[in-house]
């Protein structure tokens, strides 16, 4: 939805291959102001940045926002066809007001 559409990126970490750590292990914080929580979706993507400027999606996950619960959550990553990527995920801390 137009007013609830927002794209944010973490900082790119170069040469951070198999077991990536972002922001020196302290994570990054993003804030969203949601107008229509019932219709909003949260999509998390992991991208591979190449020096040539090409970006390749490693994995992604999308979920209706009203299904998201606060706390530490393991977000599984799926491939471009929503197939499982074994042992791939992102640890997120979710806070809502």
N, C-alpha and C. Protein backbone atom coordinates (compact mmCIF):
# COMPACT_ATOMS: atom_id res chain seq x y z
N UNK A 1 0.83 -1.16 0.00
CA UNK A 1 0.00 0.00 0.00
C UNK A 1 0.88 1.23 0.00
N UNK A 2 0.51 2.24 -0.72
CA UNK A 2 1.35 3.41 -0.92
C UNK A 2 1.90 4.04 0.34
N UNK A 3 1.03 4.40 1.28
CA UNK A 3 1.51 5.09 2.48
C UNK A 3 2.28 4.16 3.42
N UNK A 4 2.07 2.85 3.31
CA UNK A 4 2.76 1.90 4.18
C UNK A 4 3.93 1.20 3.48
N UNK A 5 4.35 1.71 2.34
CA UNK A 5 5.44 1.10 1.59
C UNK A 5 6.74 1.82 1.91
N UNK A 6 7.73 1.06 2.39
CA UNK A 6 9.02 1.65 2.75
C UNK A 6 10.10 0.60 2.55
N UNK A 7 11.23 1.00 1.97
CA UNK A 7 12.36 0.10 1.77
C UNK A 7 13.55 0.67 2.53
N UNK A 8 14.14 -0.17 3.38
CA UNK A 8 15.32 0.23 4.15
C UNK A 8 16.39 -0.83 3.97
N UNK A 9 17.64 -0.42 4.06
CA UNK A 9 18.77 -1.34 3.86
C UNK A 9 19.73 -1.27 5.05
N UNK A 10 20.30 -2.41 5.41
CA UNK A 10 21.41 -2.40 6.36
C UNK A 10 22.64 -1.92 5.60
N UNK A 11 23.67 -1.60 6.34
CA UNK A 11 24.93 -1.25 5.69
C UNK A 11 25.51 -2.49 5.04
N UNK A 12 26.15 -2.32 3.89
CA UNK A 12 26.80 -3.44 3.20
C UNK A 12 28.07 -3.81 3.94
N UNK A 13 28.23 -5.10 4.20
CA UNK A 13 29.44 -5.61 4.83
C UNK A 13 30.17 -6.44 3.78
N UNK A 14 31.35 -6.00 3.40
CA UNK A 14 32.12 -6.67 2.35
C UNK A 14 32.79 -7.93 2.90
N UNK A 15 32.92 -8.94 2.03
CA UNK A 15 33.60 -10.20 2.37
C UNK A 15 33.08 -10.78 3.68
N UNK A 16 31.76 -10.92 3.76
CA UNK A 16 31.11 -11.37 4.99
C UNK A 16 30.36 -12.67 4.73
N UNK A 17 30.96 -13.58 4.02
CA UNK A 17 30.42 -14.81 3.47
C UNK A 17 29.49 -15.69 4.26
N UNK A 18 29.97 -16.85 4.69
CA UNK A 18 29.11 -17.94 5.15
C UNK A 18 28.31 -17.61 6.40
N UNK A 19 28.87 -16.94 7.38
CA UNK A 19 28.17 -16.66 8.62
C UNK A 19 28.23 -15.15 8.90
N UNK A 20 27.47 -14.37 8.15
CA UNK A 20 27.61 -12.91 8.23
C UNK A 20 27.19 -12.32 9.57
N UNK A 21 27.89 -11.28 9.96
CA UNK A 21 27.58 -10.50 11.15
C UNK A 21 27.51 -9.05 10.70
N UNK A 22 26.44 -8.36 11.10
CA UNK A 22 26.24 -6.98 10.67
C UNK A 22 26.46 -6.02 11.83
N UNK A 23 26.96 -4.86 11.53
CA UNK A 23 27.16 -3.78 12.51
C UNK A 23 27.94 -4.25 13.73
N UNK A 24 28.97 -5.04 13.47
CA UNK A 24 29.85 -5.54 14.54
C UNK A 24 29.07 -6.29 15.62
N UNK A 25 28.02 -6.97 15.21
CA UNK A 25 27.24 -7.77 16.14
C UNK A 25 26.19 -7.01 16.93
N UNK A 26 26.07 -5.70 16.70
CA UNK A 26 25.11 -4.90 17.45
C UNK A 26 23.81 -4.67 16.69
N UNK A 27 23.76 -5.09 15.44
CA UNK A 27 22.54 -4.95 14.66
C UNK A 27 22.24 -3.52 14.26
N UNK A 28 21.17 -3.36 13.53
CA UNK A 28 20.68 -2.05 13.12
C UNK A 28 19.21 -1.96 13.47
N UNK A 29 18.74 -0.76 13.67
CA UNK A 29 17.35 -0.53 14.05
C UNK A 29 16.62 0.21 12.93
N UNK A 30 15.43 -0.28 12.62
CA UNK A 30 14.57 0.37 11.63
C UNK A 30 13.23 0.64 12.28
N UNK A 31 12.65 1.80 11.97
CA UNK A 31 11.32 2.13 12.49
C UNK A 31 10.37 2.36 11.33
N UNK A 32 9.15 1.86 11.50
CA UNK A 32 8.11 2.02 10.49
C UNK A 32 6.86 2.57 11.16
N UNK A 33 6.22 3.52 10.55
CA UNK A 33 4.92 4.00 10.99
C UNK A 33 3.89 3.35 10.06
N UNK A 34 3.06 2.48 10.61
CA UNK A 34 2.10 1.70 9.82
C UNK A 34 0.72 2.31 9.95
N UNK A 35 0.07 2.59 8.82
CA UNK A 35 -1.27 3.16 8.81
C UNK A 35 -2.34 2.06 8.89
N UNK A 36 -2.16 0.98 8.13
CA UNK A 36 -3.15 -0.09 8.06
C UNK A 36 -2.49 -1.43 8.39
N UNK A 37 -2.42 -1.74 9.67
CA UNK A 37 -1.71 -2.95 10.12
C UNK A 37 -2.33 -4.24 9.55
N UNK A 38 -3.62 -4.25 9.34
CA UNK A 38 -4.30 -5.45 8.82
C UNK A 38 -3.88 -5.78 7.39
N UNK A 39 -3.50 -4.78 6.62
CA UNK A 39 -3.12 -5.02 5.22
C UNK A 39 -1.61 -5.01 4.99
N UNK A 40 -0.83 -4.63 6.01
CA UNK A 40 0.62 -4.45 5.84
C UNK A 40 1.34 -5.80 5.84
N UNK A 41 2.41 -5.87 5.05
CA UNK A 41 3.29 -7.04 4.98
C UNK A 41 4.70 -6.59 5.36
N UNK A 42 5.44 -7.51 5.97
CA UNK A 42 6.85 -7.28 6.26
C UNK A 42 7.65 -8.25 5.40
N UNK A 43 8.58 -7.71 4.60
CA UNK A 43 9.42 -8.55 3.75
C UNK A 43 10.87 -8.28 4.11
N UNK A 44 11.59 -9.35 4.40
CA UNK A 44 13.01 -9.27 4.72
C UNK A 44 13.78 -9.99 3.63
N UNK A 45 14.78 -9.32 3.06
CA UNK A 45 15.59 -9.90 2.00
C UNK A 45 17.06 -9.87 2.39
N UNK A 46 17.78 -10.93 2.06
CA UNK A 46 19.24 -10.94 2.19
C UNK A 46 19.79 -10.86 0.76
N UNK A 47 20.65 -9.88 0.54
CA UNK A 47 21.19 -9.64 -0.80
C UNK A 47 22.69 -9.83 -0.80
N UNK A 48 23.21 -10.27 -1.94
CA UNK A 48 24.65 -10.37 -2.15
C UNK A 48 25.05 -9.19 -3.02
N UNK A 49 25.94 -8.35 -2.51
CA UNK A 49 26.40 -7.18 -3.24
C UNK A 49 27.72 -7.51 -3.91
N UNK A 50 27.78 -7.31 -5.19
CA UNK A 50 29.01 -7.50 -5.96
C UNK A 50 29.62 -6.15 -6.27
N UNK A 51 30.92 -6.08 -6.30
CA UNK A 51 31.62 -4.84 -6.60
C UNK A 51 31.22 -4.24 -7.94
N UNK A 52 30.72 -5.08 -8.85
CA UNK A 52 30.31 -4.61 -10.17
C UNK A 52 29.00 -3.84 -10.12
N UNK A 53 28.36 -3.83 -8.97
CA UNK A 53 27.08 -3.13 -8.84
C UNK A 53 25.88 -4.05 -8.96
N UNK A 54 26.11 -5.33 -9.28
CA UNK A 54 25.01 -6.28 -9.39
C UNK A 54 24.60 -6.75 -7.99
N UNK A 55 23.31 -6.88 -7.78
CA UNK A 55 22.79 -7.35 -6.52
C UNK A 55 22.01 -8.64 -6.79
N UNK A 56 22.31 -9.69 -6.03
CA UNK A 56 21.62 -10.95 -6.19
C UNK A 56 20.92 -11.31 -4.89
N UNK A 57 19.64 -11.68 -4.97
CA UNK A 57 18.91 -12.06 -3.78
C UNK A 57 19.39 -13.43 -3.31
N UNK A 58 19.80 -13.51 -2.05
CA UNK A 58 20.20 -14.78 -1.46
C UNK A 58 18.97 -15.49 -0.92
N UNK A 59 18.13 -14.75 -0.23
CA UNK A 59 16.92 -15.32 0.34
C UNK A 59 15.99 -14.22 0.80
N UNK A 60 14.73 -14.59 1.02
CA UNK A 60 13.72 -13.61 1.43
C UNK A 60 12.63 -14.29 2.23
N UNK A 61 11.87 -13.49 2.96
CA UNK A 61 10.72 -14.00 3.70
C UNK A 61 9.71 -12.86 3.81
N UNK A 62 8.46 -13.15 3.58
CA UNK A 62 7.39 -12.16 3.69
C UNK A 62 6.29 -12.72 4.60
N UNK A 63 5.75 -11.84 5.44
CA UNK A 63 4.73 -12.28 6.39
C UNK A 63 3.76 -11.11 6.62
N UNK A 64 2.46 -11.40 6.79
CA UNK A 64 1.54 -10.33 7.15
C UNK A 64 1.95 -9.74 8.50
N UNK A 65 1.94 -8.43 8.62
CA UNK A 65 2.39 -7.78 9.83
C UNK A 65 1.57 -8.18 11.05
N UNK A 66 0.29 -8.45 10.86
CA UNK A 66 -0.53 -8.83 12.01
C UNK A 66 -0.21 -10.24 12.52
N UNK A 67 0.68 -10.98 11.83
CA UNK A 67 1.15 -12.29 12.29
C UNK A 67 2.48 -12.21 13.03
N UNK A 68 3.11 -11.05 13.00
CA UNK A 68 4.42 -10.86 13.62
C UNK A 68 4.24 -10.60 15.12
N UNK A 69 5.03 -11.30 15.93
CA UNK A 69 4.98 -11.13 17.38
C UNK A 69 6.27 -10.49 17.87
N UNK A 70 6.19 -9.69 18.94
CA UNK A 70 7.39 -9.06 19.48
C UNK A 70 8.33 -10.08 20.11
N UNK A 71 9.60 -9.68 20.19
CA UNK A 71 10.63 -10.51 20.80
C UNK A 71 11.69 -10.90 19.80
N UNK A 72 12.58 -11.78 20.21
CA UNK A 72 13.60 -12.29 19.29
C UNK A 72 12.96 -13.37 18.43
N UNK A 73 13.15 -13.27 17.14
CA UNK A 73 12.54 -14.21 16.20
C UNK A 73 13.57 -14.67 15.17
N UNK A 74 13.52 -15.97 14.88
CA UNK A 74 14.32 -16.51 13.78
C UNK A 74 13.45 -16.43 12.54
N UNK A 75 13.93 -15.71 11.54
CA UNK A 75 13.19 -15.55 10.28
C UNK A 75 13.84 -16.45 9.25
N UNK A 76 13.15 -17.51 8.81
CA UNK A 76 13.74 -18.40 7.82
C UNK A 76 13.83 -17.69 6.47
N UNK A 77 14.87 -18.00 5.71
CA UNK A 77 15.00 -17.42 4.37
C UNK A 77 14.55 -18.44 3.33
N UNK A 78 13.80 -17.96 2.36
CA UNK A 78 13.30 -18.79 1.27
C UNK A 78 13.94 -18.32 -0.03
N UNK A 79 14.00 -19.21 -1.02
CA UNK A 79 14.58 -18.82 -2.30
C UNK A 79 13.57 -18.01 -3.12
N UNK A 80 13.94 -17.66 -4.34
CA UNK A 80 13.09 -16.80 -5.16
C UNK A 80 11.75 -17.43 -5.53
N UNK A 81 11.63 -18.75 -5.35
CA UNK A 81 10.38 -19.45 -5.64
C UNK A 81 9.66 -19.86 -4.35
N UNK A 82 10.07 -19.27 -3.22
CA UNK A 82 9.55 -19.57 -1.89
C UNK A 82 9.84 -20.99 -1.44
N UNK A 83 10.91 -21.58 -1.98
CA UNK A 83 11.37 -22.88 -1.52
C UNK A 83 12.30 -22.72 -0.33
N UNK A 84 12.36 -23.74 0.49
CA UNK A 84 13.20 -23.71 1.68
C UNK A 84 14.68 -23.67 1.32
N UNK A 85 15.42 -22.84 2.05
CA UNK A 85 16.89 -22.84 1.99
C UNK A 85 17.32 -23.40 3.33
N UNK A 86 17.82 -24.62 3.34
CA UNK A 86 18.17 -25.28 4.59
C UNK A 86 19.19 -24.47 5.38
N UNK A 87 18.93 -24.35 6.68
CA UNK A 87 19.82 -23.70 7.65
C UNK A 87 20.05 -22.22 7.38
N UNK A 88 19.20 -21.58 6.58
CA UNK A 88 19.35 -20.15 6.28
C UNK A 88 18.29 -19.35 7.01
N UNK A 89 18.72 -18.34 7.76
CA UNK A 89 17.77 -17.50 8.46
C UNK A 89 18.45 -16.28 9.03
N UNK A 90 17.64 -15.39 9.54
CA UNK A 90 18.12 -14.15 10.14
C UNK A 90 17.48 -14.03 11.51
N UNK A 91 18.29 -13.67 12.51
CA UNK A 91 17.76 -13.43 13.85
C UNK A 91 17.38 -11.96 13.95
N UNK A 92 16.13 -11.71 14.29
CA UNK A 92 15.61 -10.34 14.39
C UNK A 92 15.00 -10.11 15.78
N UNK A 93 15.09 -8.89 16.24
CA UNK A 93 14.38 -8.51 17.45
C UNK A 93 13.27 -7.56 17.02
N UNK A 94 12.04 -7.94 17.31
CA UNK A 94 10.87 -7.18 16.89
C UNK A 94 10.28 -6.46 18.11
N UNK A 95 10.05 -5.15 17.96
CA UNK A 95 9.36 -4.38 19.00
C UNK A 95 8.22 -3.63 18.33
N UNK A 96 7.05 -3.61 18.99
CA UNK A 96 5.89 -2.90 18.45
C UNK A 96 5.25 -2.09 19.55
N UNK A 97 4.73 -0.95 19.16
CA UNK A 97 3.99 -0.10 20.11
C UNK A 97 2.58 0.09 19.63
